[in-house]
Amino acid sequence: MSVSYALRVDEKLKEEVSAVAEYYGLDLATMTRALWSQIARTKRIPLEFSDEEPNEESLEAIRQTREMIQNSTGKAYATAEELSDALGI
């Protein structure tokens, strides 16, 4: 037997979540059923309370690292101790 469940959410939040669902080829109802099924199966609420996106400083470090790898300008260290010495730690 199926039941209906009404949910009140902010319109902007609904639009943002809908866009994520669509990215994965789902509509909101299908995504919600999948979420509920996962909760029932795992007996856990699959939430993370941390930022998923790196901040601007991290994005710049990632960009610099990729550039160093691409240009072979980075320095490699054989051990963590060598790296610590180079960093002055």
N, C-alpha and C. Protein backbone atom coordinates (compact mmCIF):
# COMPACT_ATOMS: atom_id res chain seq x y z
N MET A 1 0.83 -1.17 0.00
CA MET A 1 0.00 0.00 0.00
C MET A 1 0.89 1.25 0.00
N SER A 2 0.53 2.23 -0.79
CA SER A 2 1.26 3.49 -0.85
C SER A 2 0.47 4.58 -0.15
N VAL A 3 1.19 5.54 0.40
CA VAL A 3 0.57 6.70 1.02
C VAL A 3 1.21 7.95 0.44
N SER A 4 0.50 9.05 0.51
CA SER A 4 1.05 10.34 0.08
C SER A 4 1.57 11.07 1.30
N TYR A 5 2.60 11.89 1.08
CA TYR A 5 3.20 12.64 2.17
C TYR A 5 3.46 14.05 1.66
N ALA A 6 2.91 15.05 2.32
CA ALA A 6 3.09 16.44 1.91
C ALA A 6 4.30 17.02 2.64
N LEU A 7 5.03 17.87 1.95
CA LEU A 7 6.25 18.45 2.51
C LEU A 7 6.30 19.93 2.15
N ARG A 8 6.48 20.79 3.13
CA ARG A 8 6.61 22.22 2.86
C ARG A 8 8.09 22.60 2.88
N VAL A 9 8.52 23.21 1.78
CA VAL A 9 9.90 23.69 1.69
C VAL A 9 9.92 25.03 0.99
N ASP A 10 10.96 25.77 1.21
CA ASP A 10 11.17 27.04 0.54
C ASP A 10 11.29 26.79 -0.97
N GLU A 11 10.70 27.65 -1.77
CA GLU A 11 10.69 27.48 -3.23
C GLU A 11 12.11 27.43 -3.80
N LYS A 12 12.98 28.30 -3.30
CA LYS A 12 14.37 28.32 -3.80
C LYS A 12 15.06 26.99 -3.49
N LEU A 13 14.86 26.47 -2.29
CA LEU A 13 15.45 25.18 -1.92
C LEU A 13 14.92 24.08 -2.83
N LYS A 14 13.62 24.08 -3.10
CA LYS A 14 13.01 23.08 -3.98
C LYS A 14 13.65 23.14 -5.36
N GLU A 15 13.86 24.34 -5.88
CA GLU A 15 14.47 24.50 -7.21
C GLU A 15 15.91 23.97 -7.22
N GLU A 16 16.66 24.27 -6.17
CA GLU A 16 18.05 23.81 -6.09
C GLU A 16 18.12 22.29 -6.01
N VAL A 17 17.28 21.69 -5.16
CA VAL A 17 17.27 20.24 -5.00
C VAL A 17 16.78 19.58 -6.28
N SER A 18 15.80 20.17 -6.92
CA SER A 18 15.28 19.64 -8.17
C SER A 18 16.36 19.60 -9.24
N ALA A 19 17.19 20.63 -9.29
CA ALA A 19 18.29 20.68 -10.26
C ALA A 19 19.28 19.55 -10.01
N VAL A 20 19.58 19.28 -8.74
CA VAL A 20 20.49 18.18 -8.41
C VAL A 20 19.87 16.85 -8.81
N ALA A 21 18.59 16.66 -8.49
CA ALA A 21 17.90 15.42 -8.85
C ALA A 21 17.92 15.22 -10.37
N GLU A 22 17.63 16.28 -11.10
CA GLU A 22 17.61 16.19 -12.57
C GLU A 22 18.99 15.85 -13.12
N TYR A 23 20.04 16.36 -12.49
CA TYR A 23 21.41 16.04 -12.91
C TYR A 23 21.63 14.53 -12.90
N TYR A 24 21.03 13.87 -11.91
CA TYR A 24 21.16 12.42 -11.79
C TYR A 24 20.04 11.66 -12.48
N GLY A 25 19.23 12.38 -13.26
CA GLY A 25 18.17 11.74 -14.02
C GLY A 25 16.95 11.36 -13.19
N LEU A 26 16.73 12.04 -12.08
CA LEU A 26 15.61 11.73 -11.19
C LEU A 26 14.67 12.92 -11.08
N ASP A 27 13.43 12.64 -10.74
CA ASP A 27 12.53 13.71 -10.33
C ASP A 27 12.53 13.73 -8.80
N LEU A 28 11.90 14.75 -8.23
CA LEU A 28 11.93 14.88 -6.78
C LEU A 28 11.26 13.71 -6.07
N ALA A 29 10.16 13.21 -6.60
CA ALA A 29 9.47 12.10 -5.95
C ALA A 29 10.34 10.85 -5.93
N THR A 30 10.99 10.54 -7.05
CA THR A 30 11.85 9.36 -7.12
C THR A 30 13.04 9.51 -6.18
N MET A 31 13.63 10.70 -6.16
CA MET A 31 14.77 10.93 -5.28
C MET A 31 14.36 10.79 -3.82
N THR A 32 13.20 11.31 -3.47
CA THR A 32 12.72 11.22 -2.08
C THR A 32 12.46 9.77 -1.69
N ARG A 33 11.85 9.00 -2.59
CA ARG A 33 11.63 7.58 -2.29
C ARG A 33 12.95 6.84 -2.12
N ALA A 34 13.93 7.17 -2.96
CA ALA A 34 15.24 6.53 -2.85
C ALA A 34 15.90 6.88 -1.52
N LEU A 35 15.78 8.13 -1.10
CA LEU A 35 16.34 8.56 0.18
C LEU A 35 15.68 7.81 1.33
N TRP A 36 14.37 7.74 1.32
CA TRP A 36 13.65 7.03 2.38
C TRP A 36 14.02 5.56 2.39
N SER A 37 14.16 4.97 1.22
CA SER A 37 14.54 3.54 1.14
C SER A 37 15.92 3.32 1.73
N GLN A 38 16.84 4.23 1.43
CA GLN A 38 18.19 4.11 1.97
C GLN A 38 18.17 4.23 3.49
N ILE A 39 17.40 5.17 4.02
CA ILE A 39 17.30 5.34 5.48
C ILE A 39 16.76 4.06 6.11
N ALA A 40 15.71 3.50 5.53
CA ALA A 40 15.12 2.27 6.07
C ALA A 40 16.10 1.11 6.01
N ARG A 41 16.83 1.01 4.91
CA ARG A 41 17.77 -0.11 4.71
C ARG A 41 18.98 -0.01 5.64
N THR A 42 19.53 1.19 5.79
CA THR A 42 20.77 1.36 6.56
C THR A 42 20.54 1.75 8.01
N LYS A 43 19.31 2.17 8.31
CA LYS A 43 18.99 2.66 9.66
C LYS A 43 19.85 3.86 10.03
N ARG A 44 20.17 4.66 9.02
CA ARG A 44 20.97 5.87 9.21
C ARG A 44 20.39 6.99 8.36
N ILE A 45 20.63 8.22 8.79
CA ILE A 45 20.24 9.38 8.00
C ILE A 45 21.50 9.87 7.28
N PRO A 46 21.53 9.77 5.96
CA PRO A 46 22.76 10.07 5.22
C PRO A 46 22.99 11.57 5.03
N LEU A 47 23.33 12.25 6.11
CA LEU A 47 23.60 13.68 6.05
C LEU A 47 25.03 13.96 6.49
N GLU A 48 25.62 14.95 5.86
CA GLU A 48 26.92 15.45 6.29
C GLU A 48 26.77 16.92 6.60
N PHE A 49 27.38 17.34 7.67
CA PHE A 49 27.28 18.72 8.07
C PHE A 49 28.61 19.44 7.90
N SER A 50 29.17 19.30 6.72
CA SER A 50 30.41 19.97 6.40
C SER A 50 30.34 20.51 4.98
N ASP A 51 31.18 21.47 4.70
CA ASP A 51 31.22 22.04 3.35
C ASP A 51 31.79 21.02 2.38
N GLU A 52 31.10 20.84 1.29
CA GLU A 52 31.57 19.92 0.27
C GLU A 52 32.51 20.63 -0.72
N GLU A 53 32.30 21.90 -0.91
CA GLU A 53 33.08 22.66 -1.87
C GLU A 53 34.29 23.29 -1.18
N PRO A 54 35.46 23.21 -1.81
CA PRO A 54 36.63 23.86 -1.21
C PRO A 54 36.48 25.38 -1.24
N ASN A 55 37.08 26.04 -0.24
CA ASN A 55 37.03 27.50 -0.21
C ASN A 55 38.01 28.06 -1.24
N GLU A 56 38.04 29.37 -1.39
CA GLU A 56 38.87 30.01 -2.41
C GLU A 56 40.36 29.72 -2.22
N GLU A 57 40.81 29.70 -0.97
CA GLU A 57 42.23 29.41 -0.69
C GLU A 57 42.58 27.99 -1.14
N SER A 58 41.70 27.04 -0.86
CA SER A 58 41.95 25.66 -1.27
C SER A 58 41.90 25.51 -2.78
N LEU A 59 40.95 26.20 -3.43
CA LEU A 59 40.86 26.15 -4.89
C LEU A 59 42.15 26.68 -5.53
N GLU A 60 42.70 27.75 -4.95
CA GLU A 60 43.96 28.30 -5.47
C GLU A 60 45.11 27.31 -5.27
N ALA A 61 45.16 26.64 -4.12
CA ALA A 61 46.20 25.64 -3.86
C ALA A 61 46.06 24.47 -4.84
N ILE A 62 44.85 24.06 -5.10
CA ILE A 62 44.61 22.97 -6.06
C ILE A 62 45.08 23.39 -7.45
N ARG A 63 44.74 24.62 -7.85
CA ARG A 63 45.17 25.13 -9.16
C ARG A 63 46.70 25.16 -9.26
N GLN A 64 47.36 25.66 -8.22
CA GLN A 64 48.82 25.73 -8.22
C GLN A 64 49.44 24.34 -8.29
N THR A 65 48.87 23.40 -7.56
CA THR A 65 49.39 22.04 -7.56
C THR A 65 49.25 21.40 -8.94
N ARG A 66 48.10 21.58 -9.56
CA ARG A 66 47.90 21.03 -10.91
C ARG A 66 48.88 21.64 -11.90
N GLU A 67 49.13 22.93 -11.76
CA GLU A 67 50.09 23.62 -12.63
C GLU A 67 51.50 23.07 -12.41
N MET A 68 51.87 22.85 -11.15
CA MET A 68 53.19 22.29 -10.85
C MET A 68 53.35 20.89 -11.43
N ILE A 69 52.30 20.09 -11.33
CA ILE A 69 52.35 18.73 -11.88
C ILE A 69 52.46 18.78 -13.39
N GLN A 70 51.66 19.64 -14.02
CA GLN A 70 51.66 19.74 -15.47
C GLN A 70 53.01 20.23 -16.00
N ASN A 71 53.62 21.17 -15.29
CA ASN A 71 54.89 21.76 -15.73
C ASN A 71 56.11 21.06 -15.14
N SER A 72 55.89 20.03 -14.34
CA SER A 72 56.98 19.32 -13.67
C SER A 72 57.87 20.27 -12.88
N THR A 73 57.28 21.24 -12.20
CA THR A 73 58.06 22.20 -11.42
C THR A 73 57.99 21.94 -9.92
N GLY A 74 57.22 20.95 -9.52
CA GLY A 74 57.09 20.64 -8.10
C GLY A 74 58.28 19.83 -7.62
N LYS A 75 58.52 19.86 -6.32
CA LYS A 75 59.60 19.08 -5.73
C LYS A 75 59.01 17.85 -5.07
N ALA A 76 59.64 16.72 -5.26
CA ALA A 76 59.19 15.47 -4.65
C ALA A 76 60.07 15.17 -3.44
N TYR A 77 59.49 14.52 -2.45
CA TYR A 77 60.21 14.13 -1.24
C TYR A 77 60.05 12.63 -1.04
N ALA A 78 61.13 11.99 -0.65
CA ALA A 78 61.12 10.54 -0.48
C ALA A 78 60.42 10.12 0.81
N THR A 79 60.48 10.99 1.81
CA THR A 79 59.89 10.64 3.10
C THR A 79 59.13 11.84 3.67
N ALA A 80 58.27 11.57 4.63
CA ALA A 80 57.56 12.64 5.32
C ALA A 80 58.54 13.52 6.10
N GLU A 81 59.61 12.90 6.58
CA GLU A 81 60.63 13.65 7.32
C GLU A 81 61.30 14.69 6.41
N GLU A 82 61.61 14.31 5.18
CA GLU A 82 62.20 15.26 4.23
C GLU A 82 61.24 16.42 3.97
N LEU A 83 59.97 16.12 3.81
CA LEU A 83 58.98 17.16 3.59
C LEU A 83 58.89 18.07 4.81
N SER A 84 58.87 17.50 6.00
CA SER A 84 58.82 18.31 7.23
C SER A 84 60.02 19.21 7.34
N ASP A 85 61.21 18.68 7.01
CA ASP A 85 62.42 19.49 7.04
C ASP A 85 62.34 20.66 6.06
N ALA A 86 61.84 20.37 4.85
CA ALA A 86 61.72 21.41 3.83
C ALA A 86 60.73 22.50 4.26
N LEU A 87 59.69 22.09 5.00
CA LEU A 87 58.69 23.05 5.48
C LEU A 87 59.12 23.75 6.75
N GLY A 88 60.21 23.26 7.36
CA GLY A 88 60.68 23.85 8.60
C GLY A 88 59.81 23.50 9.80
N ILE A 89 59.26 22.32 9.73
CA ILE A 89 58.38 21.87 10.82
C ILE A 89 59.15 21.03 11.81
